[in-house]
Amino acid sequence: MKILFSLFVAGTILMTGALAPAAQADDAEIVSAKCVSCHSMKRVCRALGKKDLAGWEKTNARMVQKGMTVSDRELAKINRYLAEAKPDAVICQ
């Protein structure tokens, strides 16, 4: 039973690690699609690493008020991605 549990845990860890880059790429596409409709990526990239999650939530709530059309789920992904991204993120290349 311990072996089965250990295999389950190891498999879960491996799958999570394998899926993370795909999820990040998907989130980067959402960021690009929504933010670039009004801003250049240079502007977005200059702000990376300067705001935490709460800062991005506040900023993007203001963007929604200004007309950004986004679902709650997309908005959460955008906020999380921008809060975790560094200035050398894929979207800034």
N, C-alpha and C. Protein backbone atom coordinates (compact mmCIF):
# COMPACT_ATOMS: atom_id res chain seq x y z
N MET A 1 0.82 -1.19 0.00
CA MET A 1 0.00 0.00 0.00
C MET A 1 0.87 1.26 0.00
N LYS A 2 1.96 1.25 0.77
CA LYS A 2 2.85 2.41 0.80
C LYS A 2 3.48 2.65 -0.56
N ILE A 3 3.81 1.56 -1.26
CA ILE A 3 4.42 1.69 -2.59
C ILE A 3 3.42 2.31 -3.55
N LEU A 4 2.19 1.86 -3.51
CA LEU A 4 1.15 2.41 -4.38
C LEU A 4 0.95 3.90 -4.12
N PHE A 5 0.90 4.28 -2.85
CA PHE A 5 0.75 5.68 -2.49
C PHE A 5 1.95 6.50 -2.98
N SER A 6 3.15 5.97 -2.81
CA SER A 6 4.36 6.65 -3.25
C SER A 6 4.35 6.86 -4.76
N LEU A 7 3.92 5.84 -5.49
CA LEU A 7 3.83 5.96 -6.94
C LEU A 7 2.80 7.01 -7.36
N PHE A 8 1.68 7.04 -6.63
CA PHE A 8 0.65 8.04 -6.91
C PHE A 8 1.20 9.45 -6.70
N VAL A 9 1.87 9.66 -5.59
CA VAL A 9 2.43 10.98 -5.27
C VAL A 9 3.48 11.37 -6.32
N ALA A 10 4.36 10.46 -6.67
CA ALA A 10 5.40 10.74 -7.66
C ALA A 10 4.77 11.06 -9.02
N GLY A 11 3.77 10.31 -9.40
CA GLY A 11 3.08 10.57 -10.66
C GLY A 11 2.40 11.93 -10.68
N THR A 12 1.79 12.28 -9.58
CA THR A 12 1.13 13.57 -9.48
C THR A 12 2.14 14.70 -9.61
N ILE A 13 3.26 14.57 -8.95
CA ILE A 13 4.31 15.59 -9.03
C ILE A 13 4.84 15.72 -10.45
N LEU A 14 5.08 14.60 -11.10
CA LEU A 14 5.58 14.63 -12.47
C LEU A 14 4.57 15.25 -13.42
N MET A 15 3.31 14.89 -13.28
CA MET A 15 2.28 15.43 -14.16
C MET A 15 2.10 16.94 -13.93
N THR A 16 2.15 17.37 -12.72
CA THR A 16 2.01 18.79 -12.41
C THR A 16 3.16 19.56 -13.04
N GLY A 17 4.35 19.05 -12.92
CA GLY A 17 5.51 19.70 -13.51
C GLY A 17 5.46 19.71 -15.02
N ALA A 18 4.92 18.67 -15.61
CA ALA A 18 4.84 18.59 -17.06
C ALA A 18 3.76 19.52 -17.61
N LEU A 19 2.71 19.74 -16.86
CA LEU A 19 1.63 20.58 -17.33
C LEU A 19 1.85 22.06 -17.06
N ALA A 20 2.70 22.40 -16.12
CA ALA A 20 2.91 23.80 -15.75
C ALA A 20 3.36 24.67 -16.93
N PRO A 21 4.36 24.25 -17.74
CA PRO A 21 4.75 25.10 -18.86
C PRO A 21 3.62 25.33 -19.86
N ALA A 22 2.79 24.32 -20.09
CA ALA A 22 1.67 24.48 -21.01
C ALA A 22 0.67 25.49 -20.46
N ALA A 23 0.40 25.41 -19.17
CA ALA A 23 -0.53 26.36 -18.54
C ALA A 23 0.04 27.77 -18.60
N GLN A 24 1.33 27.92 -18.37
CA GLN A 24 1.96 29.24 -18.42
C GLN A 24 1.89 29.81 -19.83
N ALA A 25 2.10 28.97 -20.83
CA ALA A 25 2.02 29.44 -22.21
C ALA A 25 0.60 29.89 -22.54
N ASP A 26 -0.39 29.15 -22.07
CA ASP A 26 -1.79 29.52 -22.28
C ASP A 26 -2.10 30.85 -21.60
N ASP A 27 -1.62 31.03 -20.38
CA ASP A 27 -1.84 32.28 -19.65
C ASP A 27 -1.13 33.44 -20.35
N ALA A 28 0.05 33.20 -20.89
CA ALA A 28 0.79 34.24 -21.61
C ALA A 28 0.01 34.68 -22.85
N GLU A 29 -0.66 33.74 -23.51
CA GLU A 29 -1.47 34.08 -24.68
C GLU A 29 -2.65 34.97 -24.28
N ILE A 30 -3.27 34.66 -23.15
CA ILE A 30 -4.38 35.49 -22.67
C ILE A 30 -3.88 36.89 -22.35
N VAL A 31 -2.74 36.98 -21.67
CA VAL A 31 -2.16 38.29 -21.34
C VAL A 31 -1.89 39.06 -22.63
N SER A 32 -1.26 38.41 -23.58
CA SER A 32 -0.95 39.08 -24.85
C SER A 32 -2.21 39.57 -25.54
N ALA A 33 -3.21 38.72 -25.61
CA ALA A 33 -4.45 39.08 -26.31
C ALA A 33 -5.17 40.24 -25.64
N LYS A 34 -5.25 40.21 -24.33
CA LYS A 34 -6.03 41.23 -23.62
C LYS A 34 -5.27 42.53 -23.43
N CYS A 35 -4.00 42.45 -23.08
CA CYS A 35 -3.24 43.66 -22.76
C CYS A 35 -2.79 44.41 -24.01
N VAL A 36 -2.40 43.67 -25.04
CA VAL A 36 -1.86 44.30 -26.25
C VAL A 36 -2.94 45.00 -27.06
N SER A 37 -4.19 44.72 -26.74
CA SER A 37 -5.25 45.44 -27.48
C SER A 37 -5.21 46.93 -27.17
N CYS A 38 -4.64 47.32 -26.03
CA CYS A 38 -4.53 48.75 -25.67
C CYS A 38 -3.10 49.20 -25.40
N HIS A 39 -2.23 48.28 -25.02
CA HIS A 39 -0.86 48.63 -24.63
C HIS A 39 0.15 47.86 -25.48
N SER A 40 1.37 48.38 -25.54
CA SER A 40 2.46 47.61 -26.14
C SER A 40 2.96 46.62 -25.10
N MET A 41 3.55 45.54 -25.56
CA MET A 41 4.12 44.57 -24.61
C MET A 41 5.27 45.20 -23.84
N LYS A 42 5.95 46.17 -24.44
CA LYS A 42 7.03 46.85 -23.72
C LYS A 42 6.50 47.48 -22.43
N ARG A 43 5.34 48.11 -22.54
CA ARG A 43 4.76 48.75 -21.35
C ARG A 43 4.43 47.72 -20.29
N VAL A 44 3.84 46.61 -20.71
CA VAL A 44 3.49 45.55 -19.76
C VAL A 44 4.77 44.99 -19.14
N CYS A 45 5.76 44.71 -19.97
CA CYS A 45 7.00 44.10 -19.48
C CYS A 45 7.77 45.01 -18.52
N ARG A 46 7.69 46.32 -18.72
CA ARG A 46 8.36 47.25 -17.80
C ARG A 46 7.78 47.15 -16.39
N ALA A 47 6.53 46.74 -16.27
CA ALA A 47 5.88 46.66 -14.95
C ALA A 47 6.08 45.31 -14.27
N LEU A 48 6.57 44.31 -15.01
CA LEU A 48 6.76 42.99 -14.41
C LEU A 48 7.80 43.03 -13.31
N GLY A 49 7.50 42.36 -12.21
CA GLY A 49 8.41 42.31 -11.08
C GLY A 49 8.27 43.50 -10.14
N LYS A 50 7.41 44.44 -10.49
CA LYS A 50 7.24 45.64 -9.66
C LYS A 50 5.95 45.62 -8.85
N LYS A 51 5.01 44.74 -9.23
CA LYS A 51 3.74 44.66 -8.52
C LYS A 51 3.51 43.25 -8.03
N ASP A 52 2.87 43.15 -6.89
CA ASP A 52 2.47 41.84 -6.39
C ASP A 52 1.07 41.53 -6.92
N LEU A 53 0.50 40.42 -6.48
CA LEU A 53 -0.82 40.02 -6.96
C LEU A 53 -1.86 41.10 -6.68
N ALA A 54 -1.86 41.66 -5.49
CA ALA A 54 -2.83 42.70 -5.15
C ALA A 54 -2.67 43.92 -6.07
N GLY A 55 -1.45 44.25 -6.40
CA GLY A 55 -1.20 45.38 -7.30
C GLY A 55 -1.75 45.14 -8.69
N TRP A 56 -1.54 43.92 -9.20
CA TRP A 56 -2.08 43.59 -10.52
C TRP A 56 -3.59 43.50 -10.51
N GLU A 57 -4.16 43.00 -9.41
CA GLU A 57 -5.62 42.94 -9.30
C GLU A 57 -6.21 44.34 -9.36
N LYS A 58 -5.60 45.27 -8.68
CA LYS A 58 -6.06 46.66 -8.68
C LYS A 58 -5.92 47.28 -10.08
N THR A 59 -4.78 47.08 -10.68
CA THR A 59 -4.53 47.62 -12.02
C THR A 59 -5.53 47.06 -13.02
N ASN A 60 -5.73 45.74 -13.00
CA ASN A 60 -6.60 45.13 -14.00
C ASN A 60 -8.07 45.37 -13.72
N ALA A 61 -8.44 45.62 -12.48
CA ALA A 61 -9.82 46.03 -12.18
C ALA A 61 -10.08 47.38 -12.85
N ARG A 62 -9.08 48.24 -12.82
CA ARG A 62 -9.19 49.54 -13.49
C ARG A 62 -9.28 49.36 -15.01
N MET A 63 -8.54 48.39 -15.55
CA MET A 63 -8.60 48.13 -16.99
C MET A 63 -9.99 47.62 -17.40
N VAL A 64 -10.60 46.81 -16.55
CA VAL A 64 -11.96 46.33 -16.81
C VAL A 64 -12.92 47.51 -16.82
N GLN A 65 -12.76 48.43 -15.89
CA GLN A 65 -13.62 49.62 -15.84
C GLN A 65 -13.45 50.47 -17.10
N LYS A 66 -12.25 50.40 -17.69
CA LYS A 66 -11.98 51.18 -18.90
C LYS A 66 -12.42 50.45 -20.16
N GLY A 67 -12.93 49.21 -20.00
CA GLY A 67 -13.48 48.52 -21.17
C GLY A 67 -12.85 47.20 -21.56
N MET A 68 -11.86 46.72 -20.81
CA MET A 68 -11.29 45.42 -21.14
C MET A 68 -12.36 44.35 -20.93
N THR A 69 -12.61 43.57 -21.95
CA THR A 69 -13.58 42.49 -21.83
C THR A 69 -12.84 41.21 -21.48
N VAL A 70 -13.18 40.65 -20.35
CA VAL A 70 -12.48 39.49 -19.84
C VAL A 70 -13.41 38.76 -18.87
N SER A 71 -13.34 37.44 -18.89
CA SER A 71 -14.12 36.67 -17.92
C SER A 71 -13.41 36.70 -16.57
N ASP A 72 -14.11 36.35 -15.52
CA ASP A 72 -13.50 36.29 -14.19
C ASP A 72 -12.33 35.31 -14.18
N ARG A 73 -12.50 34.19 -14.85
CA ARG A 73 -11.43 33.18 -14.91
C ARG A 73 -10.20 33.71 -15.64
N GLU A 74 -10.43 34.38 -16.78
CA GLU A 74 -9.31 34.96 -17.52
C GLU A 74 -8.62 36.03 -16.69
N LEU A 75 -9.40 36.85 -16.02
CA LEU A 75 -8.83 37.91 -15.20
C LEU A 75 -7.95 37.34 -14.09
N ALA A 76 -8.39 36.27 -13.46
CA ALA A 76 -7.59 35.62 -12.42
C ALA A 76 -6.29 35.08 -13.00
N LYS A 77 -6.35 34.49 -14.19
CA LYS A 77 -5.14 33.98 -14.84
C LYS A 77 -4.19 35.11 -15.20
N ILE A 78 -4.73 36.19 -15.72
CA ILE A 78 -3.91 37.34 -16.08
C ILE A 78 -3.21 37.91 -14.85
N ASN A 79 -3.97 38.11 -13.79
CA ASN A 79 -3.39 38.67 -12.56
C ASN A 79 -2.29 37.77 -12.00
N ARG A 80 -2.55 36.47 -11.95
CA ARG A 80 -1.57 35.53 -11.42
C ARG A 80 -0.32 35.50 -12.30
N TYR A 81 -0.52 35.45 -13.61
CA TYR A 81 0.63 35.40 -14.53
C TYR A 81 1.49 36.65 -14.36
N LEU A 82 0.87 37.82 -14.38
CA LEU A 82 1.64 39.06 -14.27
C LEU A 82 2.33 39.20 -12.93
N ALA A 83 1.71 38.72 -11.87
CA ALA A 83 2.32 38.79 -10.53
C ALA A 83 3.54 37.89 -10.43
N GLU A 84 3.52 36.76 -11.13
CA GLU A 84 4.62 35.80 -11.04
C GLU A 84 5.68 35.99 -12.11
N ALA A 85 5.36 36.69 -13.20
CA ALA A 85 6.29 36.85 -14.31
C ALA A 85 7.43 37.81 -13.97
N LYS A 86 8.56 37.54 -14.56
CA LYS A 86 9.74 38.39 -14.40
C LYS A 86 9.94 39.20 -15.68
N PRO A 87 10.72 40.27 -15.64
CA PRO A 87 10.93 41.09 -16.84
C PRO A 87 11.47 40.33 -18.05
N ASP A 88 12.10 39.18 -17.83
CA ASP A 88 12.62 38.39 -18.95
C ASP A 88 11.65 37.27 -19.36
N ALA A 89 10.37 37.42 -19.01
CA ALA A 89 9.36 36.41 -19.33
C ALA A 89 9.24 36.21 -20.83
N VAL A 90 8.70 35.07 -21.20
CA VAL A 90 8.53 34.72 -22.61
C VAL A 90 7.78 35.81 -23.37
N ILE A 91 6.77 36.39 -22.77
CA ILE A 91 6.00 37.42 -23.48
C ILE A 91 6.82 38.68 -23.77
N CYS A 92 7.96 38.82 -23.12
CA CYS A 92 8.80 40.01 -23.30
C CYS A 92 9.95 39.77 -24.28
N GLN A 93 10.02 38.59 -24.83
CA GLN A 93 11.12 38.24 -25.74
C GLN A 93 10.84 38.73 -27.15
